[in-house]
Amino acid sequence: MQTLEYNKETGQITSCEYNEGFLVSSNDITTAVMTLALEKLYDDYGLDIGDEVVITKKNGLDKVTKFEV
């Protein structure tokens, strides 16, 4: 099983692979995920380099820290 996980203590987003419940590998993908997310955000809203984006946190998402892939 593969998961994407966010660790609030370290601020890292990791891609993890588990086999029978045991962690087999973990890769820090924080920079790649943030870069892709920002590029998509800028593309979706037709923004140019130098434009500003204001992001607010939706309360319903604060407990979601792990997704199965």
C-alpha atoms as a PDB file:
ATOM      1  CA  MET A   1       0.000   0.000   0.000  1.00  0.00           C
ATOM      2  CA  GLN A   2       1.206   3.511  -0.789  1.00  0.00           C
ATOM      3  CA  THR A   3       0.213   6.648   1.102  1.00  0.00           C
ATOM      4  CA  LEU A   4       0.819  10.383   1.006  1.00  0.00           C
ATOM      5  CA  GLU A   5       1.351  11.696   4.532  1.00  0.00           C
ATOM      6  CA  TYR A   6       1.802  15.111   6.136  1.00  0.00           C
ATOM      7  CA  ASN A   7       3.713  15.419   9.410  1.00  0.00           C
ATOM      8  CA  LYS A   8       2.729  18.603  11.256  1.00  0.00           C
ATOM      9  CA  GLU A   9       5.782  18.392  13.546  1.00  0.00           C
ATOM     10  CA  THR A  10       8.349  18.300  10.719  1.00  0.00           C
ATOM     11  CA  GLY A  11       6.296  20.078   8.043  1.00  0.00           C
ATOM     12  CA  GLN A  12       7.144  17.314   5.565  1.00  0.00           C
ATOM     13  CA  ILE A  13       4.945  15.668   2.976  1.00  0.00           C
ATOM     14  CA  THR A  14       6.095  12.109   2.366  1.00  0.00           C
ATOM     15  CA  SER A  15       5.291   9.312  -0.040  1.00  0.00           C
ATOM     16  CA  CYS A  16       5.306   6.104   1.998  1.00  0.00           C
ATOM     17  CA  GLU A  17       5.107   2.458   1.022  1.00  0.00           C
ATOM     18  CA  TYR A  18       3.864  -0.174   3.460  1.00  0.00           C
ATOM     19  CA  ASN A  19       3.993  -3.966   3.230  1.00  0.00           C
ATOM     20  CA  GLU A  20       1.779  -5.906   5.651  1.00  0.00           C
ATOM     21  CA  GLY A  21       1.511  -2.817   7.831  1.00  0.00           C
ATOM     22  CA  PHE A  22       5.267  -2.189   8.041  1.00  0.00           C
ATOM     23  CA  LEU A  23       6.927   0.907   6.553  1.00  0.00           C
ATOM     24  CA  VAL A  24       9.159  -0.148   3.634  1.00  0.00           C
ATOM     25  CA  SER A  25      10.183   3.268   2.296  1.00  0.00           C
ATOM     26  CA  SER A  26       9.528   6.951   2.861  1.00  0.00           C
ATOM     27  CA  ASN A  27      10.482   9.809   0.515  1.00  0.00           C
ATOM     28  CA  ASP A  28      10.250  13.528   1.286  1.00  0.00           C
ATOM     29  CA  ILE A  29       8.244  15.099  -1.569  1.00  0.00           C
ATOM     30  CA  THR A  30       7.437  18.428   0.116  1.00  0.00           C
ATOM     31  CA  THR A  31       9.215  20.701  -2.366  1.00  0.00           C
ATOM     32  CA  ALA A  32       7.835  18.873  -5.412  1.00  0.00           C
ATOM     33  CA  VAL A  33       4.255  18.923  -4.088  1.00  0.00           C
ATOM     34  CA  MET A  34       4.368  22.601  -3.130  1.00  0.00           C
ATOM     35  CA  THR A  35       5.886  23.607  -6.479  1.00  0.00           C
ATOM     36  CA  LEU A  36       3.257  21.650  -8.429  1.00  0.00           C
ATOM     37  CA  ALA A  37       0.428  23.016  -6.269  1.00  0.00           C
ATOM     38  CA  LEU A  38       1.576  26.618  -6.772  1.00  0.00           C
ATOM     39  CA  GLU A  39       2.013  26.136 -10.525  1.00  0.00           C
ATOM     40  CA  LYS A  40      -1.503  24.682 -10.786  1.00  0.00           C
ATOM     41  CA  LEU A  41      -2.958  27.486  -8.654  1.00  0.00           C
ATOM     42  CA  TYR A  42      -1.330  30.130 -10.856  1.00  0.00           C
ATOM     43  CA  ASP A  43      -2.508  28.346 -14.031  1.00  0.00           C
ATOM     44  CA  ASP A  44      -6.077  27.849 -12.734  1.00  0.00           C
ATOM     45  CA  TYR A  45      -6.451  31.550 -11.944  1.00  0.00           C
ATOM     46  CA  GLY A  46      -4.475  32.871 -14.931  1.00  0.00           C
ATOM     47  CA  LEU A  47      -1.891  34.566 -12.706  1.00  0.00           C
ATOM     48  CA  ASP A  48       1.518  35.808 -13.795  1.00  0.00           C
ATOM     49  CA  ILE A  49       4.846  35.700 -11.980  1.00  0.00           C
ATOM     50  CA  GLY A  50       4.742  38.368  -9.291  1.00  0.00           C
ATOM     51  CA  ASP A  51       0.968  38.161  -8.758  1.00  0.00           C
ATOM     52  CA  GLU A  52      -0.071  37.530  -5.169  1.00  0.00           C
ATOM     53  CA  VAL A  53      -2.310  34.753  -3.862  1.00  0.00           C
ATOM     54  CA  VAL A  54      -4.031  34.812  -0.467  1.00  0.00           C
ATOM     55  CA  ILE A  55      -4.692  31.359   0.982  1.00  0.00           C
ATOM     56  CA  THR A  56      -7.048  30.686   3.887  1.00  0.00           C
ATOM     57  CA  LYS A  57      -7.395  27.396   5.732  1.00  0.00           C
ATOM     58  CA  LYS A  58     -10.730  25.615   5.662  1.00  0.00           C
ATOM     59  CA  ASN A  59     -11.466  24.206   9.134  1.00  0.00           C
ATOM     60  CA  GLY A  60     -12.743  20.887   7.778  1.00  0.00           C
ATOM     61  CA  LEU A  61      -9.329  19.888   6.396  1.00  0.00           C
ATOM     62  CA  ASP A  62      -7.187  20.241   9.526  1.00  0.00           C
ATOM     63  CA  LYS A  63      -7.423  16.563  10.529  1.00  0.00           C
ATOM     64  CA  VAL A  64      -6.709  15.034   7.096  1.00  0.00           C
ATOM     65  CA  THR A  65      -3.069  13.935   7.206  1.00  0.00           C
ATOM     66  CA  LYS A  66      -2.936  10.651   5.283  1.00  0.00           C
ATOM     67  CA  PHE A  67      -4.267   9.563   1.907  1.00  0.00           C
ATOM     68  CA  GLU A  68      -4.076   6.069   0.427  1.00  0.00           C
ATOM     69  CA  VAL A  69      -2.906   6.023  -3.178  1.00  0.00           C
END
